[in-house]
Structures are given as structure tokens and as C-alpha cells.
Amino acid sequence: MEDDKGFLDSPMEVEKNGAREHVGDLLSDLDTLIQPIGRENSISCLVRCSSSDYGSIALLNRSFRSLIRSREIYKLRRQNGVVEHWVYLSCHLIQWEAFDPI
């Protein structure tokens, strides 16, 4: 039910076509990349994101996570000539840190 400011009682409920639905019921609808712009355009945008952001992007939904885990995004980055320059530092042979200079 909405309050006088138009907010729903529960953050886990949304209103769709005049009916309240539980967010869990809509997960299949939301589990596409960026639906309004389509899969190809979504991937085109992700290819241009910094790879340091891919961990956070993978948390958005299952489609993003499977895209990044499949390594398809990295193949597309190579095909599109996307290059990132990173700095790697190591003080010990088995330990190192990567820095995104941007």
C-alpha cells in the first residue's frame, strides 16, 4: 500500500500495472542485462568499463555475473581494441598488487 508520498509499505514490493508484486516474483524480469537498450548495447557499454569495476558489476544480477565469468567480455575487449594500462608492484615473489592508474 502506498503512503501519502507515494511510497510502498515494503521495500520488497513494487507496483506493476496497478497491482503490487513482491520483488522476488520479478527477478526473472530484472535478470537481463540492461533491458531497455538490449543485450548487444549493454555488452558494448560493459566492454568500455574498467575491468577493475567488473567485480561490482558482476554483483548486479546473474546475467552480468555469467557474462563476466564466461570471460566473453574479455574476448570482446580484445576484439574491440580496448586496452587498459595497469601498474603491478611486488616486493616478494609470491605477493603483488595491481593498480589501475586512472
Protein backbone atom coordinates (compact mmCIF):
# COMPACT_ATOMS: atom_id res chain seq x y z
CA MET A 1 0.00 0.00 0.00
CA GLU A 2 1.30 3.48 -0.81
CA ASP A 3 1.59 6.21 1.80
CA ASP A 4 0.65 9.84 1.14
CA LYS A 5 4.04 10.44 -0.50
CA GLY A 6 3.60 7.61 -2.99
CA PHE A 7 5.99 5.16 -1.28
CA LEU A 8 5.14 1.48 -0.96
CA ASP A 9 4.88 -0.02 2.54
CA SER A 10 7.55 -2.62 1.91
CA PRO A 11 10.79 -2.04 0.00
CA MET A 12 10.38 -5.62 -1.24
CA GLU A 13 7.17 -4.73 -3.07
CA VAL A 14 6.69 -2.84 -6.29
CA GLU A 15 3.60 -1.72 -8.12
CA LYS A 16 3.24 -3.02 -11.66
CA ASN A 17 0.16 -2.42 -13.81
CA GLY A 18 -1.84 -1.32 -10.77
CA ALA A 19 -1.04 -4.47 -8.77
CA ARG A 20 1.52 -4.90 -6.01
CA GLU A 21 4.06 -7.64 -6.58
CA HIS A 22 6.85 -8.99 -4.43
CA VAL A 23 10.30 -8.17 -5.81
CA GLY A 24 11.23 -11.85 -5.76
CA ASP A 25 8.49 -12.50 -8.33
CA LEU A 26 10.09 -10.01 -10.70
CA LEU A 27 13.68 -11.26 -10.54
CA SER A 28 13.33 -13.13 -13.82
CA ASP A 29 12.28 -9.86 -15.49
CA LEU A 30 15.22 -8.00 -13.99
CA ASP A 31 17.78 -10.71 -14.69
CA THR A 32 18.59 -9.49 -18.16
CA LEU A 33 21.38 -7.08 -18.85
CA ILE A 34 20.02 -3.57 -19.38
CA GLN A 35 16.64 -4.46 -20.84
CA PRO A 36 15.60 -1.13 -22.43
CA ILE A 37 18.77 -0.88 -24.54
CA GLY A 38 19.13 -4.58 -25.37
CA ARG A 39 21.84 -7.16 -24.83
CA GLU A 40 24.22 -6.02 -27.59
CA ASN A 41 24.22 -2.38 -26.46
CA SER A 42 24.59 -3.47 -22.81
CA ILE A 43 27.65 -5.53 -23.69
CA SER A 44 29.05 -2.70 -25.79
CA CYS A 45 28.85 -0.43 -22.72
CA LEU A 46 30.40 -3.02 -20.42
CA VAL A 47 33.31 -3.59 -22.80
CA ARG A 48 34.30 0.04 -22.26
CA CYS A 49 34.10 -0.10 -18.45
CA SER A 50 37.29 -0.52 -16.48
CA SER A 51 37.97 -4.16 -15.70
CA SER A 52 38.52 -3.08 -12.09
CA ASP A 53 34.75 -2.45 -11.95
CA TYR A 54 33.80 -5.93 -13.16
CA GLY A 55 33.64 -7.35 -9.63
CA SER A 56 31.00 -4.79 -8.68
CA ILE A 57 29.18 -5.16 -12.00
CA ALA A 58 29.01 -8.94 -11.50
CA LEU A 59 27.03 -8.34 -8.30
CA LEU A 60 24.18 -6.58 -10.15
CA ASN A 61 22.46 -9.73 -11.44
CA ARG A 62 23.02 -13.24 -12.74
CA SER A 63 23.31 -12.15 -16.37
CA PHE A 64 26.15 -9.74 -15.63
CA ARG A 65 27.85 -12.33 -13.40
CA SER A 66 27.66 -15.09 -16.01
CA LEU A 67 28.88 -12.73 -18.75
CA ILE A 68 31.96 -11.81 -16.71
CA ARG A 69 32.60 -15.37 -15.50
CA SER A 70 32.38 -16.71 -19.05
CA ARG A 71 35.26 -14.40 -19.99
CA GLU A 72 33.27 -13.41 -23.12
CA ILE A 73 33.62 -9.77 -22.08
CA TYR A 74 37.43 -10.03 -22.14
CA LYS A 75 37.36 -11.61 -25.61
CA LEU A 76 35.17 -8.76 -26.85
CA ARG A 77 37.53 -6.21 -25.27
CA ARG A 78 40.42 -7.70 -27.27
CA GLN A 79 38.37 -7.72 -30.48
CA ASN A 80 37.43 -4.06 -29.98
CA GLY A 81 40.97 -2.96 -29.14
CA VAL A 82 40.16 -1.93 -25.57
CA VAL A 83 43.43 -1.62 -23.66
CA GLU A 84 43.98 -0.74 -20.01
CA HIS A 85 47.34 0.15 -18.56
CA TRP A 86 47.93 -1.18 -15.07
CA VAL A 87 50.86 -0.89 -12.69
CA TYR A 88 51.97 -4.07 -10.90
CA LEU A 89 54.18 -3.91 -7.80
CA SER A 90 55.84 -6.75 -5.99
CA CYS A 91 58.15 -6.75 -3.01
CA HIS A 92 58.04 -10.54 -2.65
CA LEU A 93 57.95 -13.19 -5.35
CA ILE A 94 54.54 -14.56 -4.40
CA GLN A 95 52.84 -11.27 -3.48
CA TRP A 96 51.93 -8.48 -5.83
CA GLU A 97 49.42 -5.67 -6.11
CA ALA A 98 47.75 -4.26 -9.19
CA PHE A 99 46.89 -0.57 -9.51
CA ASP A 100 44.58 0.99 -12.05
CA PRO A 101 46.27 4.35 -12.69
CA ILE A 102 43.01 6.02 -13.68
